[in-house]
N, C-alpha and C. Protein backbone atom coordinates (compact mmCIF):
# COMPACT_ATOMS: atom_id res chain seq x y z
N MET A 1 -5.09 18.84 -3.15
CA MET A 1 -4.66 18.91 -1.76
C MET A 1 -3.14 18.87 -1.73
N LEU A 2 -2.58 19.73 -0.91
CA LEU A 2 -1.14 19.80 -0.73
C LEU A 2 -0.80 19.17 0.62
N PHE A 3 0.14 18.23 0.59
CA PHE A 3 0.62 17.55 1.80
C PHE A 3 2.07 17.96 1.98
N ILE A 4 2.30 18.85 2.94
CA ILE A 4 3.64 19.38 3.17
C ILE A 4 4.23 18.64 4.36
N GLN A 5 5.38 18.01 4.13
CA GLN A 5 5.91 17.13 5.15
C GLN A 5 7.43 17.03 5.07
N TYR A 6 7.98 16.43 6.10
CA TYR A 6 9.41 16.14 6.17
C TYR A 6 9.52 14.62 6.17
N PRO A 7 10.08 14.02 5.11
CA PRO A 7 10.05 12.56 4.96
C PRO A 7 10.64 11.75 6.13
N LYS A 8 11.59 12.31 6.87
CA LYS A 8 12.19 11.56 7.98
C LYS A 8 11.35 11.63 9.25
N CYS A 9 10.32 12.44 9.25
CA CYS A 9 9.46 12.63 10.43
C CYS A 9 8.49 11.45 10.54
N SER A 10 8.50 10.77 11.70
CA SER A 10 7.64 9.59 11.87
C SER A 10 6.16 9.97 11.83
N THR A 11 5.81 11.14 12.34
CA THR A 11 4.41 11.58 12.30
C THR A 11 3.97 11.81 10.85
N CYS A 12 4.86 12.38 10.06
CA CYS A 12 4.56 12.61 8.63
C CYS A 12 4.39 11.27 7.91
N GLN A 13 5.22 10.29 8.26
CA GLN A 13 5.11 8.96 7.65
C GLN A 13 3.76 8.32 7.98
N LYS A 14 3.33 8.46 9.24
CA LYS A 14 2.02 7.93 9.64
C LYS A 14 0.90 8.63 8.88
N ALA A 15 1.02 9.95 8.77
CA ALA A 15 0.00 10.73 8.08
C ALA A 15 -0.09 10.32 6.61
N LYS A 16 1.05 10.11 5.99
CA LYS A 16 1.09 9.72 4.57
C LYS A 16 0.43 8.34 4.39
N LYS A 17 0.74 7.41 5.30
CA LYS A 17 0.12 6.08 5.24
C LYS A 17 -1.39 6.20 5.39
N TRP A 18 -1.82 7.08 6.29
CA TRP A 18 -3.25 7.29 6.52
C TRP A 18 -3.92 7.82 5.25
N LEU A 19 -3.31 8.82 4.62
CA LEU A 19 -3.87 9.38 3.37
C LEU A 19 -3.95 8.30 2.30
N ASP A 20 -2.88 7.53 2.15
CA ASP A 20 -2.85 6.47 1.13
C ASP A 20 -3.90 5.39 1.43
N ALA A 21 -4.03 5.02 2.71
CA ALA A 21 -5.01 3.99 3.10
C ALA A 21 -6.44 4.44 2.81
N HIS A 22 -6.67 5.75 2.84
CA HIS A 22 -8.01 6.28 2.58
C HIS A 22 -8.16 6.78 1.14
N ASN A 23 -7.20 6.42 0.29
CA ASN A 23 -7.23 6.77 -1.14
C ASN A 23 -7.45 8.26 -1.37
N ILE A 24 -6.78 9.07 -0.57
CA ILE A 24 -6.88 10.53 -0.71
C ILE A 24 -5.72 11.00 -1.59
N THR A 25 -6.07 11.68 -2.66
CA THR A 25 -5.07 12.17 -3.60
C THR A 25 -4.46 13.47 -3.08
N TYR A 26 -3.14 13.58 -3.20
CA TYR A 26 -2.46 14.77 -2.70
C TYR A 26 -1.19 15.01 -3.50
N THR A 27 -0.71 16.23 -3.41
CA THR A 27 0.59 16.59 -3.96
C THR A 27 1.55 16.65 -2.79
N ASP A 28 2.60 15.86 -2.87
CA ASP A 28 3.58 15.76 -1.79
C ASP A 28 4.62 16.88 -1.95
N ARG A 29 4.91 17.57 -0.86
CA ARG A 29 5.91 18.65 -0.90
C ARG A 29 6.83 18.54 0.31
N HIS A 30 8.10 18.50 0.05
CA HIS A 30 9.13 18.41 1.09
C HIS A 30 9.30 19.80 1.70
N MET A 31 9.05 19.91 2.99
CA MET A 31 9.01 21.25 3.62
C MET A 31 10.37 21.91 3.79
N VAL A 32 11.44 21.17 3.63
CA VAL A 32 12.76 21.79 3.72
C VAL A 32 13.25 22.17 2.31
N ASP A 33 13.06 21.26 1.36
CA ASP A 33 13.47 21.55 -0.02
C ASP A 33 12.62 22.65 -0.64
N ALA A 34 11.35 22.71 -0.24
CA ALA A 34 10.43 23.73 -0.76
C ALA A 34 9.72 24.37 0.43
N ASN A 35 10.48 25.13 1.20
CA ASN A 35 9.97 25.78 2.41
C ASN A 35 8.76 26.66 2.07
N PRO A 36 7.70 26.59 2.88
CA PRO A 36 6.57 27.50 2.64
C PRO A 36 7.04 28.95 2.67
N SER A 37 6.57 29.72 1.70
CA SER A 37 6.95 31.12 1.61
C SER A 37 6.15 31.98 2.58
N TYR A 38 6.61 33.18 2.77
CA TYR A 38 5.90 34.15 3.61
C TYR A 38 4.46 34.32 3.11
N ASP A 39 4.29 34.51 1.80
CA ASP A 39 2.95 34.72 1.24
C ASP A 39 2.05 33.51 1.44
N GLU A 40 2.61 32.31 1.24
CA GLU A 40 1.82 31.09 1.45
C GLU A 40 1.39 30.99 2.92
N LEU A 41 2.35 31.17 3.81
CA LEU A 41 2.05 31.06 5.24
C LEU A 41 1.01 32.08 5.66
N LYS A 42 1.12 33.30 5.16
CA LYS A 42 0.16 34.34 5.51
C LYS A 42 -1.24 33.96 5.04
N GLU A 43 -1.33 33.43 3.81
CA GLU A 43 -2.62 33.01 3.26
C GLU A 43 -3.20 31.85 4.06
N TRP A 44 -2.38 30.84 4.33
CA TRP A 44 -2.85 29.66 5.06
C TRP A 44 -3.28 30.02 6.48
N TYR A 45 -2.51 30.84 7.12
CA TYR A 45 -2.84 31.29 8.47
C TYR A 45 -4.20 32.01 8.45
N GLY A 46 -4.41 32.88 7.48
CA GLY A 46 -5.68 33.61 7.37
C GLY A 46 -6.86 32.69 7.16
N LYS A 47 -6.68 31.63 6.38
CA LYS A 47 -7.78 30.69 6.09
C LYS A 47 -8.03 29.72 7.24
N SER A 48 -6.99 29.46 8.03
CA SER A 48 -7.05 28.36 9.00
C SER A 48 -7.94 28.65 10.20
N GLY A 49 -8.00 29.92 10.61
CA GLY A 49 -8.72 30.23 11.84
C GLY A 49 -7.94 29.81 13.09
N LEU A 50 -6.72 29.35 12.90
CA LEU A 50 -5.88 28.89 14.02
C LEU A 50 -5.01 30.04 14.53
N PRO A 51 -4.62 29.96 15.80
CA PRO A 51 -3.61 30.93 16.28
C PRO A 51 -2.30 30.67 15.52
N LEU A 52 -1.58 31.71 15.24
CA LEU A 52 -0.34 31.59 14.46
C LEU A 52 0.66 30.64 15.13
N ASN A 53 0.65 30.59 16.45
CA ASN A 53 1.59 29.71 17.15
C ASN A 53 1.37 28.24 16.81
N LYS A 54 0.18 27.87 16.32
CA LYS A 54 -0.10 26.48 15.93
C LYS A 54 0.68 26.07 14.68
N PHE A 55 1.26 27.05 13.99
CA PHE A 55 2.05 26.77 12.80
C PHE A 55 3.51 26.48 13.13
N PHE A 56 3.88 26.66 14.39
CA PHE A 56 5.27 26.41 14.80
C PHE A 56 5.44 24.97 15.27
N ASN A 57 6.55 24.37 14.88
CA ASN A 57 6.93 23.03 15.32
C ASN A 57 7.59 23.16 16.69
N THR A 58 6.77 23.21 17.72
CA THR A 58 7.26 23.48 19.08
C THR A 58 8.11 22.35 19.66
N SER A 59 8.05 21.17 19.05
CA SER A 59 8.87 20.06 19.56
C SER A 59 10.17 19.91 18.78
N GLY A 60 10.40 20.79 17.82
CA GLY A 60 11.60 20.69 16.99
C GLY A 60 12.84 21.23 17.69
N LEU A 61 13.99 20.70 17.28
CA LEU A 61 15.27 21.14 17.84
C LEU A 61 15.55 22.60 17.54
N LEU A 62 15.23 23.01 16.32
CA LEU A 62 15.50 24.40 15.93
C LEU A 62 14.69 25.37 16.79
N TYR A 63 13.43 25.01 17.04
CA TYR A 63 12.55 25.83 17.88
C TYR A 63 13.18 26.01 19.26
N ARG A 64 13.69 24.91 19.80
CA ARG A 64 14.32 24.96 21.13
C ARG A 64 15.64 25.71 21.10
N ASP A 65 16.46 25.41 20.07
CA ASP A 65 17.76 26.08 19.96
C ASP A 65 17.62 27.59 19.85
N MET A 66 16.57 28.03 19.16
CA MET A 66 16.35 29.47 18.98
C MET A 66 15.61 30.10 20.16
N GLN A 67 15.27 29.26 21.16
CA GLN A 67 14.56 29.71 22.37
C GLN A 67 13.26 30.47 22.02
N LEU A 68 12.53 29.91 21.05
CA LEU A 68 11.33 30.60 20.57
C LEU A 68 10.19 30.60 21.58
N LYS A 69 10.19 29.65 22.49
CA LYS A 69 9.15 29.65 23.52
C LYS A 69 9.15 30.99 24.26
N ASP A 70 10.33 31.51 24.51
CA ASP A 70 10.46 32.78 25.22
C ASP A 70 10.32 33.99 24.29
N LYS A 71 10.71 33.83 23.04
CA LYS A 71 10.73 34.97 22.12
C LYS A 71 9.40 35.25 21.41
N LEU A 72 8.65 34.18 21.10
CA LEU A 72 7.42 34.36 20.31
C LEU A 72 6.41 35.32 20.94
N PRO A 73 6.17 35.28 22.25
CA PRO A 73 5.17 36.18 22.82
C PRO A 73 5.43 37.66 22.54
N ALA A 74 6.68 38.03 22.38
CA ALA A 74 7.01 39.44 22.14
C ALA A 74 7.04 39.80 20.66
N MET A 75 6.88 38.80 19.80
CA MET A 75 6.99 39.04 18.36
C MET A 75 5.63 39.40 17.75
N SER A 76 5.66 40.22 16.72
CA SER A 76 4.43 40.58 16.00
C SER A 76 4.06 39.43 15.07
N GLU A 77 2.83 39.46 14.58
CA GLU A 77 2.37 38.46 13.63
C GLU A 77 3.28 38.46 12.39
N GLU A 78 3.60 39.63 11.92
CA GLU A 78 4.48 39.79 10.75
C GLU A 78 5.84 39.14 10.99
N GLU A 79 6.43 39.38 12.15
CA GLU A 79 7.73 38.80 12.49
C GLU A 79 7.66 37.28 12.56
N LYS A 80 6.57 36.77 13.13
CA LYS A 80 6.41 35.31 13.22
C LYS A 80 6.30 34.68 11.84
N LEU A 81 5.52 35.29 10.95
CA LEU A 81 5.37 34.76 9.59
C LEU A 81 6.71 34.78 8.85
N LYS A 82 7.44 35.87 8.99
CA LYS A 82 8.75 35.96 8.33
C LYS A 82 9.70 34.90 8.88
N LEU A 83 9.67 34.68 10.18
CA LEU A 83 10.52 33.67 10.80
C LEU A 83 10.16 32.27 10.28
N LEU A 84 8.88 31.94 10.24
CA LEU A 84 8.44 30.64 9.73
C LEU A 84 8.92 30.40 8.30
N ALA A 85 8.93 31.46 7.51
CA ALA A 85 9.32 31.34 6.11
C ALA A 85 10.82 31.14 5.92
N THR A 86 11.60 31.30 6.98
CA THR A 86 13.06 31.18 6.84
C THR A 86 13.53 29.73 6.85
N ASN A 87 12.76 28.83 7.46
CA ASN A 87 13.23 27.45 7.61
C ASN A 87 12.05 26.50 7.80
N GLY A 88 11.92 25.54 6.90
CA GLY A 88 10.81 24.57 6.97
C GLY A 88 10.77 23.78 8.26
N MET A 89 11.93 23.65 8.92
CA MET A 89 11.96 22.89 10.16
C MET A 89 11.26 23.62 11.31
N LEU A 90 10.94 24.88 11.13
CA LEU A 90 10.19 25.62 12.15
C LEU A 90 8.68 25.40 12.02
N VAL A 91 8.26 24.89 10.86
CA VAL A 91 6.83 24.76 10.58
C VAL A 91 6.30 23.44 11.09
N LYS A 92 5.15 23.49 11.76
CA LYS A 92 4.48 22.29 12.28
C LYS A 92 4.19 21.35 11.12
N ARG A 93 4.47 20.10 11.33
CA ARG A 93 4.26 19.14 10.25
C ARG A 93 3.50 17.92 10.71
N PRO A 94 2.86 17.25 9.80
CA PRO A 94 2.62 17.66 8.42
C PRO A 94 1.61 18.80 8.36
N LEU A 95 1.53 19.39 7.20
CA LEU A 95 0.61 20.50 6.97
C LEU A 95 -0.24 20.13 5.75
N ILE A 96 -1.56 20.19 5.92
CA ILE A 96 -2.50 19.93 4.82
C ILE A 96 -3.08 21.26 4.39
N VAL A 97 -3.05 21.50 3.07
CA VAL A 97 -3.67 22.69 2.50
C VAL A 97 -4.59 22.21 1.39
N ASP A 98 -5.89 22.42 1.59
CA ASP A 98 -6.88 21.99 0.61
C ASP A 98 -7.94 23.08 0.51
N GLY A 99 -7.73 24.02 -0.41
CA GLY A 99 -8.66 25.15 -0.52
C GLY A 99 -8.62 25.96 0.76
N ASN A 100 -9.77 26.05 1.44
CA ASN A 100 -9.84 26.81 2.70
C ASN A 100 -9.54 25.95 3.92
N LEU A 101 -9.32 24.65 3.72
CA LEU A 101 -9.03 23.75 4.84
C LEU A 101 -7.53 23.68 5.07
N ILE A 102 -7.12 24.03 6.28
CA ILE A 102 -5.71 23.98 6.67
C ILE A 102 -5.62 23.14 7.95
N LEU A 103 -4.79 22.11 7.91
CA LEU A 103 -4.58 21.27 9.09
C LEU A 103 -3.10 21.24 9.43
N THR A 104 -2.78 21.48 10.70
CA THR A 104 -1.39 21.41 11.15
C THR A 104 -1.23 20.21 12.08
N GLY A 105 -0.20 19.43 11.83
CA GLY A 105 0.02 18.23 12.63
C GLY A 105 -0.91 17.12 12.19
N PHE A 106 -0.67 15.93 12.70
CA PHE A 106 -1.51 14.78 12.35
C PHE A 106 -2.26 14.31 13.58
N LYS A 107 -3.55 14.62 13.58
CA LYS A 107 -4.44 14.12 14.62
C LYS A 107 -5.50 13.31 13.87
N GLU A 108 -5.42 11.98 13.99
CA GLU A 108 -6.24 11.10 13.17
C GLU A 108 -7.73 11.42 13.26
N ALA A 109 -8.25 11.66 14.45
CA ALA A 109 -9.68 11.94 14.59
C ALA A 109 -10.07 13.21 13.82
N GLU A 110 -9.22 14.23 13.91
CA GLU A 110 -9.49 15.49 13.20
C GLU A 110 -9.44 15.27 11.69
N TRP A 111 -8.47 14.51 11.23
CA TRP A 111 -8.34 14.24 9.80
C TRP A 111 -9.54 13.44 9.30
N GLU A 112 -10.00 12.45 10.08
CA GLU A 112 -11.17 11.66 9.68
C GLU A 112 -12.38 12.57 9.54
N GLU A 113 -12.55 13.46 10.50
CA GLU A 113 -13.70 14.37 10.49
C GLU A 113 -13.65 15.33 9.30
N LYS A 114 -12.47 15.84 9.00
CA LYS A 114 -12.37 16.91 7.99
C LYS A 114 -12.04 16.43 6.58
N LEU A 115 -11.45 15.24 6.46
CA LEU A 115 -11.00 14.79 5.13
C LEU A 115 -11.82 13.65 4.54
N LEU A 116 -12.61 12.97 5.37
CA LEU A 116 -13.39 11.83 4.85
C LEU A 116 -14.83 12.20 4.61
């Protein structure tokens, strides 16, 4: 299992504590130092069954600074994936990748259902 996170993010810290408390083994990956690539994002998006917009960190400063709320509706899927691959701070965090299971953000009830 891959746990992609930003260490200074309080939600990521909570998620990490939750994984550790449930003795779930994972590989930790810093989303800025090792930004998800276009190919990774495309694969994860395809497996997730989620709308691509769920992969964006809509509460992030960069998202707001780039005015993506207004720009995303006019962008193609390809353009969105390329944009996400440019900066880890645009990607919703934390991100769990475990085979075909992809989780964006930390929702404890969802994680309990899918990871335990």
